[in-house]
C-alpha atoms as a PDB file:
ATOM      1  CA  MET A   1     -28.329  18.598 116.946  1.00  0.00           C
ATOM      2  CA  ALA A   2     -26.766  17.116 113.824  1.00  0.00           C
ATOM      3  CA  GLY A   3     -28.773  15.463 111.071  1.00  0.00           C
ATOM      4  CA  TYR A   4     -26.609  12.336 111.157  1.00  0.00           C
ATOM      5  CA  ARG A   5     -24.748  10.053 113.553  1.00  0.00           C
ATOM      6  CA  LYS A   6     -20.981  10.493 113.807  1.00  0.00           C
ATOM      7  CA  LEU A   7     -20.340   6.780 114.491  1.00  0.00           C
ATOM      8  CA  GLY A   8     -17.012   7.520 116.176  1.00  0.00           C
ATOM      9  CA  ARG A   9     -15.252   8.214 112.876  1.00  0.00           C
ATOM     10  CA  VAL A  10     -13.779  11.227 111.140  1.00  0.00           C
ATOM     11  CA  SER A  11     -15.976  12.434 108.286  1.00  0.00           C
ATOM     12  CA  ALA A  12     -13.966  10.917 105.417  1.00  0.00           C
ATOM     13  CA  HIS A  13     -13.834   7.486 107.076  1.00  0.00           C
ATOM     14  CA  ARG A  14     -17.530   7.636 107.975  1.00  0.00           C
ATOM     15  CA  ASP A  15     -18.548   8.585 104.423  1.00  0.00           C
ATOM     16  CA  LEU A  16     -16.496   5.803 102.863  1.00  0.00           C
ATOM     17  CA  MET A  17     -17.725   3.249 105.407  1.00  0.00           C
ATOM     18  CA  LEU A  18     -21.347   4.133 104.637  1.00  0.00           C
ATOM     19  CA  ARG A  19     -20.693   4.016 100.880  1.00  0.00           C
ATOM     20  CA  ASN A  20     -19.238   0.515 101.293  1.00  0.00           C
ATOM     21  CA  LEU A  21     -22.172  -0.604 103.458  1.00  0.00           C
ATOM     22  CA  VAL A  22     -24.698   0.658 100.887  1.00  0.00           C
ATOM     23  CA  THR A  23     -22.784  -1.037  98.055  1.00  0.00           C
ATOM     24  CA  SER A  24     -22.671  -4.327  99.981  1.00  0.00           C
ATOM     25  CA  LEU A  25     -26.370  -4.113 100.845  1.00  0.00           C
ATOM     26  CA  ILE A  26     -27.444  -3.574  97.249  1.00  0.00           C
ATOM     27  CA  LYS A  27     -25.001  -6.206  95.980  1.00  0.00           C
ATOM     28  CA  SER A  28     -25.948  -9.021  98.359  1.00  0.00           C
ATOM     29  CA  GLY A  29     -29.451  -8.037  99.477  1.00  0.00           C
ATOM     30  CA  ARG A  30     -28.672  -8.232 103.190  1.00  0.00           C
ATOM     31  CA  ILE A  31     -25.871  -7.300 105.560  1.00  0.00           C
ATOM     32  CA  GLN A  32     -25.211  -7.758 109.262  1.00  0.00           C
ATOM     33  CA  THR A  33     -23.992  -4.711 111.177  1.00  0.00           C
ATOM     34  CA  THR A  34     -24.638  -2.659 114.298  1.00  0.00           C
ATOM     35  CA  GLU A  35     -27.962  -0.929 114.786  1.00  0.00           C
ATOM     36  CA  THR A  36     -26.683   2.639 114.491  1.00  0.00           C
ATOM     37  CA  ARG A  37     -24.722   1.892 111.319  1.00  0.00           C
ATOM     38  CA  ALA A  38     -27.767   0.146 109.872  1.00  0.00           C
ATOM     39  CA  LYS A  39     -29.982   3.167 110.526  1.00  0.00           C
ATOM     40  CA  GLU A  40     -27.566   5.484 108.742  1.00  0.00           C
ATOM     41  CA  THR A  41     -27.084   3.003 105.891  1.00  0.00           C
ATOM     42  CA  LYS A  42     -30.846   2.651 105.498  1.00  0.00           C
ATOM     43  CA  LYS A  43     -31.252   6.386 104.766  1.00  0.00           C
ATOM     44  CA  LEU A  44     -28.623   6.328 102.040  1.00  0.00           C
ATOM     45  CA  ALA A  45     -29.735   3.023 100.495  1.00  0.00           C
ATOM     46  CA  GLU A  46     -33.297   4.268 100.142  1.00  0.00           C
ATOM     47  CA  LYS A  47     -32.022   7.411  98.391  1.00  0.00           C
ATOM     48  CA  MET A  48     -30.006   5.279  95.962  1.00  0.00           C
ATOM     49  CA  ILE A  49     -33.004   3.079  95.130  1.00  0.00           C
ATOM     50  CA  THR A  50     -35.116   6.185  94.585  1.00  0.00           C
ATOM     51  CA  LEU A  51     -32.464   7.421  92.136  1.00  0.00           C
ATOM     52  CA  ALA A  52     -32.647   4.076  90.342  1.00  0.00           C
ATOM     53  CA  LYS A  53     -36.416   4.425  90.047  1.00  0.00           C
ATOM     54  CA  LYS A  54     -35.962   7.756  88.238  1.00  0.00           C
ATOM     55  CA  GLY A  55     -33.894   5.874  85.692  1.00  0.00           C
ATOM     56  CA  ASP A  56     -32.471   8.829  83.738  1.00  0.00           C
ATOM     57  CA  LEU A  57     -28.832   9.530  82.939  1.00  0.00           C
ATOM     58  CA  HIS A  58     -28.426  12.161  85.640  1.00  0.00           C
ATOM     59  CA  ALA A  59     -29.694   9.770  88.325  1.00  0.00           C
ATOM     60  CA  ARG A  60     -27.342   7.047  87.071  1.00  0.00           C
ATOM     61  CA  ARG A  61     -24.370   9.410  87.283  1.00  0.00           C
ATOM     62  CA  GLN A  62     -25.366  10.475  90.801  1.00  0.00           C
ATOM     63  CA  ALA A  63     -25.550   6.816  91.848  1.00  0.00           C
ATOM     64  CA  LEU A  64     -22.167   6.096  90.230  1.00  0.00           C
ATOM     65  CA  ALA A  65     -20.667   8.990  92.190  1.00  0.00           C
ATOM     66  CA  PHE A  66     -21.793   7.371  95.465  1.00  0.00           C
ATOM     67  CA  ILE A  67     -21.729   3.586  94.945  1.00  0.00           C
ATOM     68  CA  THR A  68     -18.250   2.128  94.608  1.00  0.00           C
ATOM     69  CA  ASP A  69     -19.025  -0.667  92.097  1.00  0.00           C
ATOM     70  CA  GLU A  70     -20.344  -0.027  88.595  1.00  0.00           C
ATOM     71  CA  THR A  71     -21.891  -3.487  88.229  1.00  0.00           C
ATOM     72  CA  VAL A  72     -23.954  -2.856  91.372  1.00  0.00           C
ATOM     73  CA  VAL A  73     -25.302   0.358  89.828  1.00  0.00           C
ATOM     74  CA  ASN A  74     -26.206  -1.451  86.597  1.00  0.00           C
ATOM     75  CA  ASN A  75     -27.947  -4.183  88.596  1.00  0.00           C
ATOM     76  CA  MET A  76     -29.777  -1.568  90.636  1.00  0.00           C
ATOM     77  CA  PHE A  77     -31.101   0.248  87.560  1.00  0.00           C
ATOM     78  CA  THR A  78     -32.047  -2.893  85.596  1.00  0.00           C
ATOM     79  CA  GLU A  79     -33.388  -5.234  88.302  1.00  0.00           C
ATOM     80  CA  LEU A  80     -34.163  -3.353  91.525  1.00  0.00           C
ATOM     81  CA  ALA A  81     -35.822  -0.295  89.996  1.00  0.00           C
ATOM     82  CA  PRO A  82     -38.611  -2.230  88.217  1.00  0.00           C
ATOM     83  CA  LYS A  83     -39.100  -4.359  91.340  1.00  0.00           C
ATOM     84  CA  TYR A  84     -39.769  -1.289  93.525  1.00  0.00           C
ATOM     85  CA  GLN A  85     -41.531   0.844  90.881  1.00  0.00           C
ATOM     86  CA  ASP A  86     -44.945   0.717  92.581  1.00  0.00           C
ATOM     87  CA  ARG A  87     -43.549   1.120  96.115  1.00  0.00           C
ATOM     88  CA  ASN A  88     -43.212   4.571  97.685  1.00  0.00           C
ATOM     89  CA  GLY A  89     -40.271   4.129 100.026  1.00  0.00           C
ATOM     90  CA  GLY A  90     -39.648   1.485 102.668  1.00  0.00           C
ATOM     91  CA  TYR A  91     -37.280  -0.596 100.540  1.00  0.00           C
ATOM     92  CA  THR A  92     -35.293  -1.929 103.518  1.00  0.00           C
ATOM     93  CA  ARG A  93     -36.017  -3.588 106.837  1.00  0.00           C
ATOM     94  CA  ILE A  94     -34.028  -3.947 110.041  1.00  0.00           C
ATOM     95  CA  ILE A  95     -34.220  -7.212 111.995  1.00  0.00           C
ATOM     96  CA  LYS A  96     -32.617  -7.255 115.452  1.00  0.00           C
ATOM     97  CA  VAL A  97     -30.340 -10.222 116.131  1.00  0.00           C
ATOM     98  CA  GLY A  98     -29.037  -9.520 119.624  1.00  0.00           C
ATOM     99  CA  PRO A  99     -26.012  -8.116 121.424  1.00  0.00           C
ATOM    100  CA  ARG A 100     -22.490  -8.636 120.114  1.00  0.00           C
ATOM    101  CA  ARG A 101     -20.347 -10.825 122.349  1.00  0.00           C
ATOM    102  CA  GLY A 102     -17.387  -8.464 122.741  1.00  0.00           C
ATOM    103  CA  ASP A 103     -18.960  -5.097 123.558  1.00  0.00           C
ATOM    104  CA  ALA A 104     -22.698  -5.871 123.698  1.00  0.00           C
ATOM    105  CA  ALA A 105     -23.450  -3.596 120.739  1.00  0.00           C
ATOM    106  CA  GLU A 106     -26.861  -4.356 119.231  1.00  0.00           C
ATOM    107  CA  ILE A 107     -26.399  -6.391 116.036  1.00  0.00           C
ATOM    108  CA  VAL A 108     -29.040  -6.255 113.296  1.00  0.00           C
ATOM    109  CA  ILE A 109     -29.630  -7.609 109.822  1.00  0.00           C
ATOM    110  CA  LEU A 110     -30.377  -4.920 107.241  1.00  0.00           C
ATOM    111  CA  GLU A 111     -32.056  -6.349 104.158  1.00  0.00           C
ATOM    112  CA  LEU A 112     -33.920  -5.274 101.072  1.00  0.00           C
ATOM    113  CA  VAL A 113     -37.653  -5.949 101.193  1.00  0.00           C
END
């Protein structure tokens, strides 16, 4: 059993899709996507926020290597990290919206707490 969901994509496409989802989530605060994508995005977003809470140069470079927008990383380290400093995980929440009209995939809203 793998430690991640394949999401019907080849590995390079899956990695880039998840990087874009994490960047969009941190940039806007909430995104709407399918449930399985949201669960995978949640894991990675929480790791990025934990890096921001460390706040050192190495953590910033690790975040820059993953997140596709430098302004999002700066925002994460200056605004989000102090906001979540006293919180030990659980930075995101998933709210179910309902099935998608075309293929009945479960649609959710993934947002920062």
